[in-house]
Amino acid sequence: MATRITDVCINCGACEPECPNGAISQGEELFVIDPALCTECVGFNDREACATVCPVDCCLPDPEHVESEPVLLDRAKRLHPDQRFPEPAPSRFRRVAR
C-alpha cells in the first residue's frame, strides 16, 4: 500500500528529499505522496524513509492503495532501471522489530 501524508503534517519538508522515487511533493496545503511512484521504500529501506524522518508521525499506510511486496519491488525496478537491487531487497515486509 502506498504511504500517505495525513493532515497532521506541519509542512516541515523533511520527507521530500528522503523519497528515493520522487513521490513526495508540496501540495496545495500539505505535502502529498503520489501512489503511482510510492514503493513504500521496498528495495531501498526496511522502513518508509518519509516515516523515519517525520517529526509528527503523519506518514502512514494508505488503506486506499494496498499493494504487495512484489508489486512494489517491480515498481521500484521500473522507476530505477539502472539500479541493482539486492536479493532479498530491503523491505518493510521483512522488517525486524526494534
PDB file of N, CA and C in Angstrom:
ATOM      1  N   MET A   1       0.846  -1.167   0.000  1.00  0.00           N
ATOM      2  CA  MET A   1       0.000   0.000   0.000  1.00  0.00           C
ATOM      3  C   MET A   1       0.886   1.222   0.000  1.00  0.00           C
ATOM      4  N   ALA A   2       0.508   2.198  -0.711  1.00  0.00           N
ATOM      5  CA  ALA A   2       1.280   3.435  -0.729  1.00  0.00           C
ATOM      6  C   ALA A   2       1.213   4.089   0.645  1.00  0.00           C
ATOM      7  N   THR A   3       2.144   4.961   0.874  1.00  0.00           N
ATOM      8  CA  THR A   3       2.134   5.753   2.096  1.00  0.00           C
ATOM      9  C   THR A   3       1.394   7.042   1.793  1.00  0.00           C
ATOM     10  N   ARG A   4       0.750   7.617   2.798  1.00  0.00           N
ATOM     11  CA  ARG A   4       0.055   8.894   2.620  1.00  0.00           C
ATOM     12  C   ARG A   4       0.508   9.837   3.719  1.00  0.00           C
ATOM     13  N   ILE A   5       0.312  11.105   3.496  1.00  0.00           N
ATOM     14  CA  ILE A   5       0.632  12.117   4.487  1.00  0.00           C
ATOM     15  C   ILE A   5      -0.689  12.654   5.015  1.00  0.00           C
ATOM     16  N   THR A   6      -0.886  12.556   6.314  1.00  0.00           N
ATOM     17  CA  THR A   6      -2.150  12.977   6.918  1.00  0.00           C
ATOM     18  C   THR A   6      -2.161  14.483   7.170  1.00  0.00           C
ATOM     19  N   ASP A   7      -3.318  14.979   7.586  1.00  0.00           N
ATOM     20  CA  ASP A   7      -3.462  16.409   7.842  1.00  0.00           C
ATOM     21  C   ASP A   7      -2.758  16.869   9.118  1.00  0.00           C
ATOM     22  N   VAL A   8      -2.063  15.960   9.783  1.00  0.00           N
ATOM     23  CA  VAL A   8      -1.241  16.322  10.935  1.00  0.00           C
ATOM     24  C   VAL A   8       0.083  16.935  10.458  1.00  0.00           C
ATOM     25  N   CYS A   9       0.378  16.816   9.188  1.00  0.00           N
ATOM     26  CA  CYS A   9       1.620  17.333   8.602  1.00  0.00           C
ATOM     27  C   CYS A   9       1.834  18.800   8.972  1.00  0.00           C
ATOM     28  N   ILE A  10       3.066  19.132   9.344  1.00  0.00           N
ATOM     29  CA  ILE A  10       3.400  20.514   9.699  1.00  0.00           C
ATOM     30  C   ILE A  10       4.176  21.220   8.573  1.00  0.00           C
ATOM     31  N   ASN A  11       4.226  20.587   7.405  1.00  0.00           N
ATOM     32  CA  ASN A  11       4.903  21.155   6.231  1.00  0.00           C
ATOM     33  C   ASN A  11       6.367  21.476   6.483  1.00  0.00           C
ATOM     34  N   CYS A  12       7.036  20.635   7.230  1.00  0.00           N
ATOM     35  CA  CYS A  12       8.453  20.879   7.506  1.00  0.00           C
ATOM     36  C   CYS A  12       9.333  20.531   6.304  1.00  0.00           C
ATOM     37  N   GLY A  13       8.842  19.653   5.431  1.00  0.00           N
ATOM     38  CA  GLY A  13       9.582  19.285   4.234  1.00  0.00           C
ATOM     39  C   GLY A  13      10.661  18.243   4.434  1.00  0.00           C
ATOM     40  N   ALA A  14      10.775  17.688   5.633  1.00  0.00           N
ATOM     41  CA  ALA A  14      11.824  16.694   5.906  1.00  0.00           C
ATOM     42  C   ALA A  14      11.672  15.448   5.038  1.00  0.00           C
ATOM     43  N   CYS A  15      10.468  15.099   4.679  1.00  0.00           N
ATOM     44  CA  CYS A  15      10.203  13.866   3.942  1.00  0.00           C
ATOM     45  C   CYS A  15      10.592  13.938   2.467  1.00  0.00           C
ATOM     46  N   GLU A  16      10.393  15.080   1.855  1.00  0.00           N
ATOM     47  CA  GLU A  16      10.550  15.191   0.401  1.00  0.00           C
ATOM     48  C   GLU A  16      11.907  14.716  -0.111  1.00  0.00           C
ATOM     49  N   PRO A  17      13.027  15.171   0.428  1.00  0.00           N
ATOM     50  CA  PRO A  17      14.314  14.718  -0.116  1.00  0.00           C
ATOM     51  C   PRO A  17      14.660  13.274   0.237  1.00  0.00           C
ATOM     52  N   GLU A  18      13.936  12.678   1.167  1.00  0.00           N
ATOM     53  CA  GLU A  18      14.229  11.311   1.580  1.00  0.00           C
ATOM     54  C   GLU A  18      13.635  10.258   0.652  1.00  0.00           C
ATOM     55  N   CYS A  19      12.658  10.626  -0.144  1.00  0.00           N
ATOM     56  CA  CYS A  19      11.974   9.663  -1.011  1.00  0.00           C
ATOM     57  C   CYS A  19      12.866   9.268  -2.184  1.00  0.00           C
ATOM     58  N   PRO A  20      13.203   7.988  -2.306  1.00  0.00           N
ATOM     59  CA  PRO A  20      14.078   7.557  -3.403  1.00  0.00           C
ATOM     60  C   PRO A  20      13.404   7.609  -4.776  1.00  0.00           C
ATOM     61  N   ASN A  21      12.092   7.794  -4.786  1.00  0.00           N
ATOM     62  CA  ASN A  21      11.346   7.771  -6.040  1.00  0.00           C
ATOM     63  C   ASN A  21      10.811   9.133  -6.466  1.00  0.00           C
ATOM     64  N   GLY A  22      11.046  10.160  -5.681  1.00  0.00           N
ATOM     65  CA  GLY A  22      10.498  11.476  -6.016  1.00  0.00           C
ATOM     66  C   GLY A  22       8.986  11.508  -5.934  1.00  0.00           C
ATOM     67  N   ALA A  23       8.410  10.673  -5.062  1.00  0.00           N
ATOM     68  CA  ALA A  23       6.957  10.571  -4.958  1.00  0.00           C
ATOM     69  C   ALA A  23       6.336  11.665  -4.100  1.00  0.00           C
ATOM     70  N   ILE A  24       7.145  12.392  -3.348  1.00  0.00           N
ATOM     71  CA  ILE A  24       6.620  13.397  -2.419  1.00  0.00           C
ATOM     72  C   ILE A  24       6.820  14.792  -3.009  1.00  0.00           C
ATOM     73  N   SER A  25       5.748  15.582  -2.947  1.00  0.00           N
ATOM     74  CA  SER A  25       5.825  16.957  -3.434  1.00  0.00           C
ATOM     75  C   SER A  25       4.920  17.841  -2.580  1.00  0.00           C
ATOM     76  N   GLN A  26       5.130  19.138  -2.709  1.00  0.00           N
ATOM     77  CA  GLN A  26       4.286  20.086  -1.983  1.00  0.00           C
ATOM     78  C   GLN A  26       2.936  20.154  -2.677  1.00  0.00           C
ATOM     79  N   GLY A  27       1.876  19.882  -1.937  1.00  0.00           N
ATOM     80  CA  GLY A  27       0.529  20.001  -2.471  1.00  0.00           C
ATOM     81  C   GLY A  27       0.002  21.406  -2.226  1.00  0.00           C
ATOM     82  N   GLU A  28      -1.299  21.600  -2.415  1.00  0.00           N
ATOM     83  CA  GLU A  28      -1.894  22.918  -2.197  1.00  0.00           C
ATOM     84  C   GLU A  28      -1.756  23.373  -0.750  1.00  0.00           C
ATOM     85  N   GLU A  29      -1.975  22.443   0.179  1.00  0.00           N
ATOM     86  CA  GLU A  29      -1.893  22.796   1.598  1.00  0.00           C
ATOM     87  C   GLU A  29      -0.805  22.029   2.338  1.00  0.00           C
ATOM     88  N   LEU A  30      -0.618  20.768   1.987  1.00  0.00           N
ATOM     89  CA  LEU A  30       0.326  19.886   2.665  1.00  0.00           C
ATOM     90  C   LEU A  30       1.166  19.147   1.635  1.00  0.00           C
ATOM     91  N   PHE A  31       2.218  18.516   2.107  1.00  0.00           N
ATOM     92  CA  PHE A  31       2.964  17.630   1.230  1.00  0.00           C
ATOM     93  C   PHE A  31       2.078  16.434   0.889  1.00  0.00           C
ATOM     94  N   VAL A  32       2.271  15.886  -0.301  1.00  0.00           N
ATOM     95  CA  VAL A  32       1.474  14.744  -0.758  1.00  0.00           C
ATOM     96  C   VAL A  32       2.403  13.683  -1.339  1.00  0.00           C
ATOM     97  N   ILE A  33       1.911  12.454  -1.376  1.00  0.00           N
ATOM     98  CA  ILE A  33       2.659  11.337  -1.949  1.00  0.00           C
ATOM     99  C   ILE A  33       1.879  10.794  -3.142  1.00  0.00           C
ATOM    100  N   ASP A  34       2.537  10.691  -4.274  1.00  0.00           N
ATOM    101  CA  ASP A  34       1.929  10.130  -5.488  1.00  0.00           C
ATOM    102  C   ASP A  34       1.967   8.606  -5.367  1.00  0.00           C
ATOM    103  N   PRO A  35       0.810   7.951  -5.240  1.00  0.00           N
ATOM    104  CA  PRO A  35       0.803   6.499  -5.080  1.00  0.00           C
ATOM    105  C   PRO A  35       1.348   5.749  -6.293  1.00  0.00           C
ATOM    106  N   ALA A  36       1.376   6.380  -7.450  1.00  0.00           N
ATOM    107  CA  ALA A  36       1.931   5.734  -8.642  1.00  0.00           C
ATOM    108  C   ALA A  36       3.454   5.676  -8.597  1.00  0.00           C
ATOM    109  N   LEU A  37       4.069   6.476  -7.721  1.00  0.00           N
ATOM    110  CA  LEU A  37       5.525   6.484  -7.581  1.00  0.00           C
ATOM    111  C   LEU A  37       5.992   5.880  -6.257  1.00  0.00           C
ATOM    112  N   CYS A  38       5.104   5.792  -5.293  1.00  0.00           N
ATOM    113  CA  CYS A  38       5.480   5.287  -3.969  1.00  0.00           C
ATOM    114  C   CYS A  38       5.693   3.776  -4.011  1.00  0.00           C
ATOM    115  N   THR A  39       6.824   3.351  -3.463  1.00  0.00           N
ATOM    116  CA  THR A  39       7.115   1.917  -3.348  1.00  0.00           C
ATOM    117  C   THR A  39       7.229   1.501  -1.884  1.00  0.00           C
ATOM    118  N   GLU A  40       6.819   2.405  -0.971  1.00  0.00           N
ATOM    119  CA  GLU A  40       6.980   2.166   0.462  1.00  0.00           C
ATOM    120  C   GLU A  40       8.445   1.881   0.779  1.00  0.00           C
ATOM    121  N   CYS A  41       9.315   2.375  -0.049  1.00  0.00           N
ATOM    122  CA  CYS A  41      10.777   2.197   0.049  1.00  0.00           C
ATOM    123  C   CYS A  41      11.222   0.746  -0.097  1.00  0.00           C
ATOM    124  N   VAL A  42      10.339  -0.128  -0.586  1.00  0.00           N
ATOM    125  CA  VAL A  42      10.740  -1.505  -0.878  1.00  0.00           C
ATOM    126  C   VAL A  42      11.863  -1.431  -1.907  1.00  0.00           C
ATOM    127  N   GLY A  43      12.937  -2.160  -1.635  1.00  0.00           N
ATOM    128  CA  GLY A  43      14.113  -2.135  -2.493  1.00  0.00           C
ATOM    129  C   GLY A  43      15.180  -1.187  -1.990  1.00  0.00           C
ATOM    130  N   PHE A  44      14.803  -0.268  -1.101  1.00  0.00           N
ATOM    131  CA  PHE A  44      15.730   0.747  -0.606  1.00  0.00           C
ATOM    132  C   PHE A  44      15.958   0.672   0.904  1.00  0.00           C
ATOM    133  N   ASN A  45      14.890   0.506   1.661  1.00  0.00           N
ATOM    134  CA  ASN A  45      14.959   0.539   3.117  1.00  0.00           C
ATOM    135  C   ASN A  45      13.997  -0.481   3.721  1.00  0.00           C
ATOM    136  N   ASP A  46      14.213  -0.789   4.995  1.00  0.00           N
ATOM    137  CA  ASP A  46      13.289  -1.702   5.662  1.00  0.00           C
ATOM    138  C   ASP A  46      12.150  -0.952   6.345  1.00  0.00           C
ATOM    139  N   ARG A  47      12.107   0.353   6.131  1.00  0.00           N
ATOM    140  CA  ARG A  47      11.018   1.182   6.636  1.00  0.00           C
ATOM    141  C   ARG A  47      10.879   2.365   5.691  1.00  0.00           C
ATOM    142  N   GLU A  48       9.677   2.897   5.576  1.00  0.00           N
ATOM    143  CA  GLU A  48       9.466   4.038   4.706  1.00  0.00           C
ATOM    144  C   GLU A  48      10.333   5.200   5.177  1.00  0.00           C
ATOM    145  N   ALA A  49      11.162   5.734   4.302  1.00  0.00           N
ATOM    146  CA  ALA A  49      12.089   6.808   4.657  1.00  0.00           C
ATOM    147  C   ALA A  49      11.348   8.049   5.135  1.00  0.00           C
ATOM    148  N   CYS A  50      10.210   8.350   4.530  1.00  0.00           N
ATOM    149  CA  CYS A  50       9.453   9.531   4.943  1.00  0.00           C
ATOM    150  C   CYS A  50       8.974   9.387   6.386  1.00  0.00           C
ATOM    151  N   ALA A  51       8.510   8.202   6.740  1.00  0.00           N
ATOM    152  CA  ALA A  51       8.038   7.961   8.102  1.00  0.00           C
ATOM    153  C   ALA A  51       9.189   8.017   9.102  1.00  0.00           C
ATOM    154  N   THR A  52      10.360   7.608   8.674  1.00  0.00           N
ATOM    155  CA  THR A  52      11.525   7.610   9.558  1.00  0.00           C
ATOM    156  C   THR A  52      11.908   9.025   9.970  1.00  0.00           C
ATOM    157  N   VAL A  53      11.823   9.988   9.054  1.00  0.00           N
ATOM    158  CA  VAL A  53      12.251  11.353   9.356  1.00  0.00           C
ATOM    159  C   VAL A  53      11.124  12.280   9.801  1.00  0.00           C
ATOM    160  N   CYS A  54       9.900  11.842   9.691  1.00  0.00           N
ATOM    161  CA  CYS A  54       8.757  12.703  10.026  1.00  0.00           C
ATOM    162  C   CYS A  54       8.709  12.999  11.527  1.00  0.00           C
ATOM    163  N   PRO A  55       8.741  14.278  11.903  1.00  0.00           N
ATOM    164  CA  PRO A  55       8.723  14.614  13.322  1.00  0.00           C
ATOM    165  C   PRO A  55       7.357  14.479  13.984  1.00  0.00           C
ATOM    166  N   VAL A  56       6.290  14.363  13.207  1.00  0.00           N
ATOM    167  CA  VAL A  56       4.948  14.289  13.794  1.00  0.00           C
ATOM    168  C   VAL A  56       4.212  13.001  13.431  1.00  0.00           C
ATOM    169  N   ASP A  57       4.904  12.037  12.874  1.00  0.00           N
ATOM    170  CA  ASP A  57       4.310  10.739  12.531  1.00  0.00           C
ATOM    171  C   ASP A  57       3.047  10.859  11.675  1.00  0.00           C
ATOM    172  N   CYS A  58       3.146  11.617  10.585  1.00  0.00           N
ATOM    173  CA  CYS A  58       1.986  11.768   9.711  1.00  0.00           C
ATOM    174  C   CYS A  58       2.108  10.967   8.413  1.00  0.00           C
ATOM    175  N   CYS A  59       3.206  10.236   8.228  1.00  0.00           N
ATOM    176  CA  CYS A  59       3.377   9.389   7.046  1.00  0.00           C
ATOM    177  C   CYS A  59       2.902   7.988   7.415  1.00  0.00           C
ATOM    178  N   LEU A  60       1.724   7.650   6.949  1.00  0.00           N
ATOM    179  CA  LEU A  60       1.067   6.400   7.350  1.00  0.00           C
ATOM    180  C   LEU A  60       0.648   5.591   6.132  1.00  0.00           C
ATOM    181  N   PRO A  61       0.409   4.286   6.314  1.00  0.00           N
ATOM    182  CA  PRO A  61      -0.079   3.469   5.208  1.00  0.00           C
ATOM    183  C   PRO A  61      -1.419   4.008   4.687  1.00  0.00           C
ATOM    184  N   ASP A  62      -1.575   3.982   3.387  1.00  0.00           N
ATOM    185  CA  ASP A  62      -2.805   4.454   2.748  1.00  0.00           C
ATOM    186  C   ASP A  62      -3.693   3.251   2.449  1.00  0.00           C
ATOM    187  N   PRO A  63      -4.777   3.066   3.209  1.00  0.00           N
ATOM    188  CA  PRO A  63      -5.637   1.901   3.009  1.00  0.00           C
ATOM    189  C   PRO A  63      -6.336   1.883   1.652  1.00  0.00           C
ATOM    190  N   GLU A  64      -6.291   2.986   0.930  1.00  0.00           N
ATOM    191  CA  GLU A  64      -6.911   3.039  -0.394  1.00  0.00           C
ATOM    192  C   GLU A  64      -5.971   2.545  -1.495  1.00  0.00           C
ATOM    193  N   HIS A  65      -4.696   2.289  -1.141  1.00  0.00           N
ATOM    194  CA  HIS A  65      -3.711   1.833  -2.120  1.00  0.00           C
ATOM    195  C   HIS A  65      -2.904   0.665  -1.551  1.00  0.00           C
ATOM    196  N   VAL A  66      -3.573  -0.452  -1.323  1.00  0.00           N
ATOM    197  CA  VAL A  66      -2.920  -1.638  -0.777  1.00  0.00           C
ATOM    198  C   VAL A  66      -2.226  -2.393  -1.906  1.00  0.00           C
ATOM    199  N   GLU A  67      -0.910  -2.654  -1.717  1.00  0.00           N
ATOM    200  CA  GLU A  67      -0.139  -3.367  -2.733  1.00  0.00           C
ATOM    201  C   GLU A  67       0.805  -4.349  -2.053  1.00  0.00           C
ATOM    202  N   SER A  68       1.142  -5.397  -2.760  1.00  0.00           N
ATOM    203  CA  SER A  68       2.024  -6.435  -2.222  1.00  0.00           C
ATOM    204  C   SER A  68       3.487  -6.059  -2.426  1.00  0.00           C
ATOM    205  N   GLU A  69       4.353  -6.753  -1.705  1.00  0.00           N
ATOM    206  CA  GLU A  69       5.787  -6.525  -1.843  1.00  0.00           C
ATOM    207  C   GLU A  69       6.267  -6.730  -3.283  1.00  0.00           C
ATOM    208  N   PRO A  70       5.870  -7.812  -3.982  1.00  0.00           N
ATOM    209  CA  PRO A  70       6.330  -7.976  -5.373  1.00  0.00           C
ATOM    210  C   PRO A  70       5.897  -6.831  -6.291  1.00  0.00           C
ATOM    211  N   VAL A  71       4.707  -6.312  -6.104  1.00  0.00           N
ATOM    212  CA  VAL A  71       4.234  -5.192  -6.926  1.00  0.00           C
ATOM    213  C   VAL A  71       5.076  -3.951  -6.655  1.00  0.00           C
ATOM    214  N   LEU A  72       5.352  -3.693  -5.385  1.00  0.00           N
ATOM    215  CA  LEU A  72       6.152  -2.525  -5.017  1.00  0.00           C
ATOM    216  C   LEU A  72       7.588  -2.649  -5.517  1.00  0.00           C
ATOM    217  N   LEU A  73       8.167  -3.838  -5.413  1.00  0.00           N
ATOM    218  CA  LEU A  73       9.530  -4.039  -5.902  1.00  0.00           C
ATOM    219  C   LEU A  73       9.597  -3.911  -7.416  1.00  0.00           C
ATOM    220  N   ASP A  74       8.613  -4.439  -8.108  1.00  0.00           N
ATOM    221  CA  ASP A  74       8.564  -4.275  -9.574  1.00  0.00           C
ATOM    222  C   ASP A  74       8.501  -2.796  -9.954  1.00  0.00           C
ATOM    223  N   ARG A  75       7.719  -2.011  -9.208  1.00  0.00           N
ATOM    224  CA  ARG A  75       7.627  -0.580  -9.483  1.00  0.00           C
ATOM    225  C   ARG A  75       8.988   0.082  -9.256  1.00  0.00           C
ATOM    226  N   ALA A  76       9.657  -0.278  -8.173  1.00  0.00           N
ATOM    227  CA  ALA A  76      10.983   0.289  -7.889  1.00  0.00           C
ATOM    228  C   ALA A  76      11.942  -0.030  -9.037  1.00  0.00           C
ATOM    229  N   LYS A  77      11.895  -1.239  -9.538  1.00  0.00           N
ATOM    230  CA  LYS A  77      12.775  -1.636 -10.641  1.00  0.00           C
ATOM    231  C   LYS A  77      12.443  -0.880 -11.921  1.00  0.00           C
ATOM    232  N   ARG A  78      11.166  -0.617 -12.166  1.00  0.00           N
ATOM    233  CA  ARG A  78      10.766   0.168 -13.348  1.00  0.00           C
ATOM    234  C   ARG A  78      11.196   1.626 -13.211  1.00  0.00           C
ATOM    235  N   LEU A  79      11.066   2.174 -12.001  1.00  0.00           N
ATOM    236  CA  LEU A  79      11.438   3.567 -11.770  1.00  0.00           C
ATOM    237  C   LEU A  79      12.950   3.789 -11.796  1.00  0.00           C
ATOM    238  N   HIS A  80      13.700   2.729 -11.491  1.00  0.00           N
ATOM    239  CA  HIS A  80      15.163   2.817 -11.414  1.00  0.00           C
ATOM    240  C   HIS A  80      15.792   1.687 -12.229  1.00  0.00           C
ATOM    241  N   PRO A  81      15.629   1.711 -13.554  1.00  0.00           N
ATOM    242  CA  PRO A  81      16.087   0.594 -14.384  1.00  0.00           C
ATOM    243  C   PRO A  81      17.592   0.346 -14.355  1.00  0.00           C
ATOM    244  N   ASP A  82      18.373   1.342 -13.999  1.00  0.00           N
ATOM    245  CA  ASP A  82      19.830   1.175 -13.973  1.00  0.00           C
ATOM    246  C   ASP A  82      20.363   0.755 -12.610  1.00  0.00           C
ATOM    247  N   GLN A  83      19.483   0.626 -11.650  1.00  0.00           N
ATOM    248  CA  GLN A  83      19.916   0.270 -10.296  1.00  0.00           C
ATOM    249  C   GLN A  83      19.799  -1.239 -10.073  1.00  0.00           C
ATOM    250  N   ARG A  84      20.767  -1.782  -9.373  1.00  0.00           N
ATOM    251  CA  ARG A  84      20.722  -3.196  -8.983  1.00  0.00           C
ATOM    252  C   ARG A  84      20.171  -3.281  -7.574  1.00  0.00           C
ATOM    253  N   PHE A  85      19.193  -4.142  -7.382  1.00  0.00           N
ATOM    254  CA  PHE A  85      18.582  -4.335  -6.072  1.00  0.00           C
ATOM    255  C   PHE A  85      19.086  -5.645  -5.486  1.00  0.00           C
ATOM    256  N   PRO A  86      19.492  -5.642  -4.215  1.00  0.00           N
ATOM    257  CA  PRO A  86      19.988  -6.876  -3.595  1.00  0.00           C
ATOM    258  C   PRO A  86      18.872  -7.897  -3.427  1.00  0.00           C
ATOM    259  N   GLU A  87      19.259  -9.144  -3.298  1.00  0.00           N
ATOM    260  CA  GLU A  87      18.311 -10.234  -3.036  1.00  0.00           C
ATOM    261  C   GLU A  87      18.577 -10.766  -1.638  1.00  0.00           C
ATOM    262  N   PRO A  88      17.658 -10.799  -0.744  1.00  0.00           N
ATOM    263  CA  PRO A  88      16.355 -10.150  -0.874  1.00  0.00           C
ATOM    264  C   PRO A  88      16.495  -8.639  -0.733  1.00  0.00           C
ATOM    265  N   ALA A  89      15.612  -7.939  -1.390  1.00  0.00           N
ATOM    266  CA  ALA A  89      15.635  -6.482  -1.347  1.00  0.00           C
ATOM    267  C   ALA A  89      15.140  -5.997   0.013  1.00  0.00           C
ATOM    268  N   PRO A  90      15.701  -4.892   0.503  1.00  0.00           N
ATOM    269  CA  PRO A  90      15.187  -4.324   1.751  1.00  0.00           C
ATOM    270  C   PRO A  90      13.687  -4.060   1.622  1.00  0.00           C
ATOM    271  N   SER A  91      12.969  -4.324   2.693  1.00  0.00           N
ATOM    272  CA  SER A  91      11.521  -4.197   2.634  1.00  0.00           C
ATOM    273  C   SER A  91      10.909  -4.149   4.018  1.00  0.00           C
ATOM    274  N   ARG A  92       9.865  -3.356   4.165  1.00  0.00           N
ATOM    275  CA  ARG A  92       9.138  -3.327   5.428  1.00  0.00           C
ATOM    276  C   ARG A  92       8.439  -4.663   5.694  1.00  0.00           C
ATOM    277  N   PHE A  93       8.246  -5.450   4.654  1.00  0.00           N
ATOM    278  CA  PHE A  93       7.595  -6.747   4.799  1.00  0.00           C
ATOM    279  C   PHE A  93       8.463  -7.727   5.577  1.00  0.00           C
ATOM    280  N   ARG A  94       9.773  -7.476   5.621  1.00  0.00           N
ATOM    281  CA  ARG A  94      10.700  -8.336   6.369  1.00  0.00           C
ATOM    282  C   ARG A  94      11.386  -7.586   7.498  1.00  0.00           C
ATOM    283  N   ARG A  95      10.862  -6.447   7.837  1.00  0.00           N
ATOM    284  CA  ARG A  95      11.475  -5.617   8.880  1.00  0.00           C
ATOM    285  C   ARG A  95      11.523  -6.375  10.202  1.00  0.00           C
ATOM    286  N   VAL A  96      12.650  -6.271  10.834  1.00  0.00           N
ATOM    287  CA  VAL A  96      12.845  -6.893  12.145  1.00  0.00           C
ATOM    288  C   VAL A  96      12.390  -5.904  13.205  1.00  0.00           C
ATOM    289  N   ALA A  97      11.652  -6.366  14.183  1.00  0.00           N
ATOM    290  CA  ALA A  97      11.182  -5.494  15.259  1.00  0.00           C
ATOM    291  C   ALA A  97      12.372  -4.894  15.987  1.00  0.00           C
ATOM    292  N   ARG A  98      12.266  -3.636  16.319  1.00  0.00           N
ATOM    293  CA  ARG A  98      13.351  -2.937  17.022  1.00  0.00           C
ATOM    294  C   ARG A  98      12.926  -2.525  18.384  1.00  0.00           C
TER     295      ARG A  98
END
